[in-house]
Amino acid sequence: LRAYFRNEIMPVLSPLGLDPSHPFPKILNKSLNIVVVLKGTDAFGRAGHLALVRAPRSLPRIIQLPESLGGPQNFVLLSAVLSAFVDELFPGMDVQGAYQFRVTRNSELVVDEEEVENLALALRDELVDRGYRPAVRLEIAHDCPKPIMQTLLQNFGLSENAAYRIDGPVNLNRVIQVYDLLSRADLKYPPMTPRVFKSPEGIFETAAQGDVLLHHPFDSFSTVLELIREAAVDPNVLAIKQTLYRTGKDSGIVEALILAAR
């Protein structure tokens, strides 16, 4: 693991010292970070206190161990590897502790359509800045000393009731990666194929003859997508009104709505 850390992880890390001569760095929304407590002096004679290690999102959060370290069914979290070998980043200094944390920021977009001349440009700027908007929550390792947590809260502009001590990984969603890494058919449900609603004459014609009930995910969502696509090109459709919440990167519905707008 130490060799993996040195060869694969360490080259992309950039530890940052926290002291009065350096401003508190920008921490990206929901990114994995380690706050490190240091003792001693570095190669430049600077006394250590606190440092931050930010894990780039290019690094895998779940690391599969090789055969020599337990076989293909054993995994370790990136945060655990960082905490175990973080001393490699601070030669000559004594690491007193390393604690993972992440900050959640307000992702709400605020754009006044009447005030801006170019709505698309304004939205683009808002999206760029969204990762660094005001903080709303701090998740931190349960064993992190309170003074260190208070330092982070102060720099993020948060009160103590916005801190959540986590006894384990700060982002359990990453564990879903194990499903694809593990070759154990006996531990996986067989894939389900949703029913596809067939309407040779078109969705509108079928719906005109009677109600159509779709039960997701057992019925394919492609029927809803086809409805929007038909509405987008139908000259008799005057408006399409719906609420979209957290669309995917390549959303068929968004593409259909763009087609309708054109």
Protein backbone atom coordinates (compact mmCIF):
# COMPACT_ATOMS: atom_id res chain seq x y z
CA LEU A 1 0.00 0.00 0.00
CA ARG A 2 2.84 2.39 0.76
CA ALA A 3 4.29 1.75 -2.70
CA TYR A 4 0.86 2.41 -4.24
CA PHE A 5 0.64 5.64 -2.27
CA ARG A 6 4.08 6.77 -3.43
CA ASN A 7 3.56 5.84 -7.09
CA GLU A 8 -0.13 6.58 -7.73
CA ILE A 9 -1.39 8.99 -5.08
CA MET A 10 1.47 11.12 -3.79
CA PRO A 11 2.42 12.68 -7.18
CA VAL A 12 -1.01 14.34 -7.52
CA LEU A 13 -1.24 15.68 -3.96
CA SER A 14 -0.43 19.27 -3.02
CA PRO A 15 -0.44 19.73 0.78
CA LEU A 16 -1.15 23.25 2.00
CA GLY A 17 0.00 24.72 5.29
CA LEU A 18 -2.51 26.63 7.41
CA ASP A 19 -0.85 29.63 9.00
CA PRO A 20 -1.40 33.41 9.22
CA SER A 21 0.86 34.03 6.20
CA HIS A 22 -1.36 31.95 3.90
CA PRO A 23 -5.07 32.55 3.29
CA PHE A 24 -7.39 29.64 3.96
CA PRO A 25 -7.62 27.73 0.65
CA LYS A 26 -10.79 27.31 -1.35
CA ILE A 27 -12.35 23.93 -0.67
CA LEU A 28 -14.54 22.54 -3.43
CA ASN A 29 -18.08 21.45 -2.61
CA LYS A 30 -18.22 17.87 -1.26
CA SER A 31 -14.55 17.19 -2.00
CA LEU A 32 -12.51 14.81 0.17
CA ASN A 33 -9.97 16.57 2.38
CA ILE A 34 -7.64 15.64 5.23
CA VAL A 35 -6.70 18.11 7.96
CA VAL A 36 -3.30 17.17 9.39
CA VAL A 37 -1.91 18.12 12.81
CA LEU A 38 1.88 18.56 12.65
CA LYS A 39 4.67 18.96 15.19
CA GLY A 40 8.22 20.07 14.51
CA THR A 41 9.75 22.11 11.68
CA ASP A 42 9.92 21.46 7.95
CA ALA A 43 12.95 21.66 5.61
CA PHE A 44 12.62 25.46 5.53
CA GLY A 45 12.62 25.82 9.31
CA ARG A 46 8.92 26.61 9.51
CA ALA A 47 7.09 25.35 12.57
CA GLY A 48 4.17 23.11 11.80
CA HIS A 49 0.69 23.27 13.15
CA LEU A 50 -2.06 22.43 10.67
CA ALA A 51 -2.04 21.45 7.01
CA LEU A 52 -4.63 20.45 4.45
CA VAL A 53 -4.40 17.63 1.93
CA ARG A 54 -7.00 17.75 -0.81
CA ALA A 55 -7.73 14.53 -2.71
CA PRO A 56 -8.22 15.20 -6.43
CA ARG A 57 -11.42 13.76 -7.85
CA SER A 58 -9.34 11.89 -10.40
CA LEU A 59 -8.28 9.46 -7.67
CA PRO A 60 -10.47 6.38 -7.06
CA ARG A 61 -12.24 6.53 -3.70
CA ILE A 62 -12.27 2.73 -3.43
CA ILE A 63 -8.96 0.92 -4.02
CA GLN A 64 -9.01 -2.79 -4.85
CA LEU A 65 -6.16 -4.67 -3.21
CA PRO A 66 -3.96 -7.00 -5.29
CA GLU A 67 -3.65 -10.73 -4.68
CA SER A 68 -0.54 -10.23 -2.53
CA LEU A 69 -2.50 -8.05 -0.09
CA GLY A 70 -5.58 -10.18 0.39
CA GLY A 71 -7.02 -10.94 -3.00
CA PRO A 72 -9.46 -9.27 -5.39
CA GLN A 73 -12.30 -9.23 -2.86
CA ASN A 74 -10.60 -6.88 -0.41
CA PHE A 75 -10.85 -3.12 -0.71
CA VAL A 76 -9.56 -0.07 1.12
CA LEU A 77 -10.85 3.49 1.14
CA LEU A 78 -8.72 6.27 -0.31
CA SER A 79 -9.28 8.29 2.87
CA ALA A 80 -7.77 5.46 4.94
CA VAL A 81 -4.69 5.29 2.69
CA LEU A 82 -4.23 9.06 2.87
CA SER A 83 -4.47 9.05 6.66
CA ALA A 84 -2.09 6.10 7.00
CA PHE A 85 0.70 7.49 4.82
CA VAL A 86 0.19 11.24 5.06
CA ASP A 87 3.51 11.48 6.93
CA GLU A 88 5.25 10.93 3.57
CA LEU A 89 4.13 14.43 2.58
CA PHE A 90 5.79 16.10 5.59
CA PRO A 91 9.38 14.83 5.93
CA GLY A 92 11.07 15.77 9.18
CA MET A 93 7.78 16.52 10.92
CA ASP A 94 5.73 14.44 13.31
CA VAL A 95 2.12 13.82 12.28
CA GLN A 96 0.01 14.02 15.44
CA GLY A 97 -3.27 13.25 13.69
CA ALA A 98 -5.08 13.20 10.35
CA TYR A 99 -8.84 13.71 10.04
CA GLN A 100 -11.00 13.52 6.96
CA PHE A 101 -13.67 16.11 6.28
CA ARG A 102 -15.82 17.56 3.53
CA VAL A 103 -17.87 20.72 3.27
CA THR A 104 -21.26 21.03 1.59
CA ARG A 105 -21.98 24.33 -0.12
CA ASN A 106 -25.20 26.03 -1.14
CA SER A 107 -25.76 24.99 -4.76
CA GLU A 108 -28.82 27.14 -5.41
CA LEU A 109 -28.56 29.23 -8.57
CA VAL A 110 -29.61 32.86 -8.20
CA VAL A 111 -30.21 34.61 -11.53
CA ASP A 112 -32.60 37.51 -12.06
CA GLU A 113 -33.87 37.07 -15.62
CA GLU A 114 -35.00 40.70 -15.73
CA GLU A 115 -31.61 42.04 -14.62
CA VAL A 116 -29.27 40.10 -16.93
CA GLU A 117 -28.81 40.73 -20.63
CA ASN A 118 -27.50 37.27 -21.51
CA LEU A 119 -29.28 34.58 -19.46
CA ALA A 120 -27.19 31.71 -20.85
CA LEU A 121 -23.93 33.49 -19.96
CA ALA A 122 -25.21 34.37 -16.49
CA LEU A 123 -26.19 30.74 -15.85
CA ARG A 124 -22.79 29.57 -17.06
CA ASP A 125 -21.03 31.90 -14.62
CA GLU A 126 -23.29 30.74 -11.79
CA LEU A 127 -22.49 27.09 -12.54
CA VAL A 128 -18.75 27.79 -12.53
CA ASP A 129 -18.95 29.47 -9.11
CA ARG A 130 -21.40 26.98 -7.58
CA GLY A 131 -18.65 24.72 -6.23
CA TYR A 132 -17.39 27.56 -4.01
CA ARG A 133 -20.62 29.09 -2.75
CA PRO A 134 -21.22 29.70 0.98
CA ALA A 135 -20.87 26.59 3.13
CA VAL A 136 -23.91 25.06 4.82
CA ARG A 137 -22.50 21.91 6.45
CA LEU A 138 -19.23 20.41 7.67
CA GLU A 139 -18.81 16.64 7.91
CA ILE A 140 -15.72 15.62 9.85
CA ALA A 141 -14.16 12.55 11.45
CA HIS A 142 -15.71 11.75 14.81
CA ASP A 143 -12.35 11.73 16.61
CA CYS A 144 -11.20 15.14 15.36
CA PRO A 145 -10.24 17.37 18.32
CA LYS A 146 -12.73 20.14 18.95
CA PRO A 147 -10.24 23.04 18.54
CA ILE A 148 -9.40 21.83 15.03
CA MET A 149 -13.06 21.48 14.15
CA GLN A 150 -13.67 24.98 15.48
CA THR A 151 -10.89 26.31 13.23
CA LEU A 152 -12.53 24.77 10.18
CA LEU A 153 -15.97 26.02 11.17
CA GLN A 154 -14.63 29.54 11.61
CA ASN A 155 -12.96 29.53 8.19
CA PHE A 156 -16.11 28.20 6.52
CA GLY A 157 -18.30 30.72 8.33
CA LEU A 158 -20.35 28.02 10.06
CA SER A 159 -21.75 27.61 13.55
CA GLU A 160 -21.17 24.49 15.61
CA ASN A 161 -24.64 23.10 14.90
CA ALA A 162 -23.64 22.83 11.23
CA ALA A 163 -20.94 20.26 12.08
CA TYR A 164 -21.62 16.54 11.78
CA ARG A 165 -19.15 14.09 13.28
CA ILE A 166 -18.92 10.97 11.12
CA ASP A 167 -17.75 7.61 12.50
CA GLY A 168 -16.65 6.17 9.16
CA PRO A 169 -16.35 7.40 5.55
CA VAL A 170 -17.73 10.89 4.95
CA ASN A 171 -19.29 9.73 1.68
CA LEU A 172 -20.79 6.24 1.73
CA ASN A 173 -22.14 6.70 -1.81
CA ARG A 174 -18.66 5.81 -3.06
CA VAL A 175 -19.10 2.25 -1.78
CA ILE A 176 -21.37 1.57 -4.77
CA GLN A 177 -18.16 1.25 -6.81
CA VAL A 178 -17.53 -2.11 -5.14
CA TYR A 179 -20.46 -3.57 -7.11
CA ASP A 180 -18.64 -3.15 -10.41
CA LEU A 181 -15.25 -4.16 -9.01
CA LEU A 182 -16.48 -7.40 -7.43
CA SER A 183 -16.97 -10.45 -9.67
CA ARG A 184 -19.47 -12.29 -7.49
CA ALA A 185 -22.64 -13.16 -9.38
CA ASP A 186 -24.02 -14.88 -6.27
CA LEU A 187 -24.09 -11.51 -4.47
CA LYS A 188 -25.86 -9.61 -7.23
CA TYR A 189 -29.47 -9.51 -8.31
CA PRO A 190 -30.07 -10.51 -11.92
CA PRO A 191 -30.54 -7.46 -14.16
CA MET A 192 -34.13 -6.35 -14.63
CA THR A 193 -35.41 -5.39 -18.06
CA PRO A 194 -38.28 -2.85 -17.82
CA ARG A 195 -41.40 -3.40 -19.88
CA VAL A 196 -41.53 -1.24 -22.99
CA PHE A 197 -44.90 0.33 -23.78
CA LYS A 198 -45.68 -0.25 -27.44
CA SER A 199 -47.78 2.29 -29.28
CA PRO A 200 -47.55 1.88 -33.08
CA GLU A 201 -49.94 4.77 -33.73
CA GLY A 202 -48.15 7.14 -31.32
CA ILE A 203 -48.43 8.10 -27.65
CA PHE A 204 -51.01 10.86 -28.22
CA GLU A 205 -53.33 8.60 -30.20
CA THR A 206 -53.10 5.86 -27.60
CA ALA A 207 -53.70 8.27 -24.70
CA ALA A 208 -56.73 9.71 -26.51
CA GLN A 209 -58.33 6.25 -26.42
CA GLY A 210 -57.84 5.83 -22.66
CA ASP A 211 -55.55 6.44 -19.71
CA VAL A 212 -52.07 4.90 -19.71
CA LEU A 213 -50.54 3.95 -16.35
CA LEU A 214 -46.77 3.55 -16.11
CA HIS A 215 -45.16 2.05 -13.01
CA HIS A 216 -41.45 2.92 -12.81
CA PRO A 217 -38.96 1.32 -12.77
CA PHE A 218 -40.92 -1.74 -13.87
CA ASP A 219 -42.14 0.12 -16.96
CA SER A 220 -39.49 1.72 -19.15
CA PHE A 221 -39.07 5.48 -18.82
CA SER A 222 -38.50 5.58 -22.57
CA THR A 223 -42.28 5.98 -22.94
CA VAL A 224 -42.17 9.32 -21.11
CA LEU A 225 -39.21 10.37 -23.22
CA GLU A 226 -41.08 9.46 -26.40
CA LEU A 227 -44.06 11.52 -25.22
CA ILE A 228 -41.85 14.61 -24.86
CA ARG A 229 -40.23 13.96 -28.22
CA GLU A 230 -43.59 13.68 -29.96
CA ALA A 231 -44.79 16.86 -28.24
CA ALA A 232 -41.63 18.69 -29.34
CA VAL A 233 -42.37 18.18 -33.04
CA ASP A 234 -46.18 18.22 -32.97
CA PRO A 235 -47.44 21.56 -34.40
CA ASN A 236 -50.64 21.24 -32.34
CA VAL A 237 -48.72 21.38 -29.03
CA LEU A 238 -48.74 24.94 -27.70
CA ALA A 239 -46.64 24.43 -24.55
CA ILE A 240 -44.74 21.80 -22.57
CA LYS A 241 -44.81 22.35 -18.81
CA GLN A 242 -42.97 20.10 -16.39
CA THR A 243 -40.55 20.24 -13.48
CA LEU A 244 -37.04 18.90 -14.04
CA TYR A 245 -34.99 17.96 -10.99
CA ARG A 246 -31.33 16.95 -11.27
CA THR A 247 -31.21 15.89 -14.88
CA GLY A 248 -28.42 13.62 -16.09
CA LYS A 249 -25.42 14.79 -18.10
CA ASP A 250 -26.92 13.49 -21.36
CA SER A 251 -30.64 13.99 -20.79
CA GLY A 252 -32.95 12.94 -23.61
CA ILE A 253 -35.72 15.08 -22.14
CA VAL A 254 -33.53 18.19 -22.18
CA GLU A 255 -32.61 17.47 -25.80
CA ALA A 256 -36.31 17.16 -26.68
CA LEU A 257 -37.11 20.44 -24.90
CA ILE A 258 -34.30 22.19 -26.77
CA LEU A 259 -35.77 20.85 -30.00
CA ALA A 260 -39.19 22.16 -29.00
CA ALA A 261 -37.76 25.61 -28.18
CA ARG A 262 -36.19 25.85 -31.61
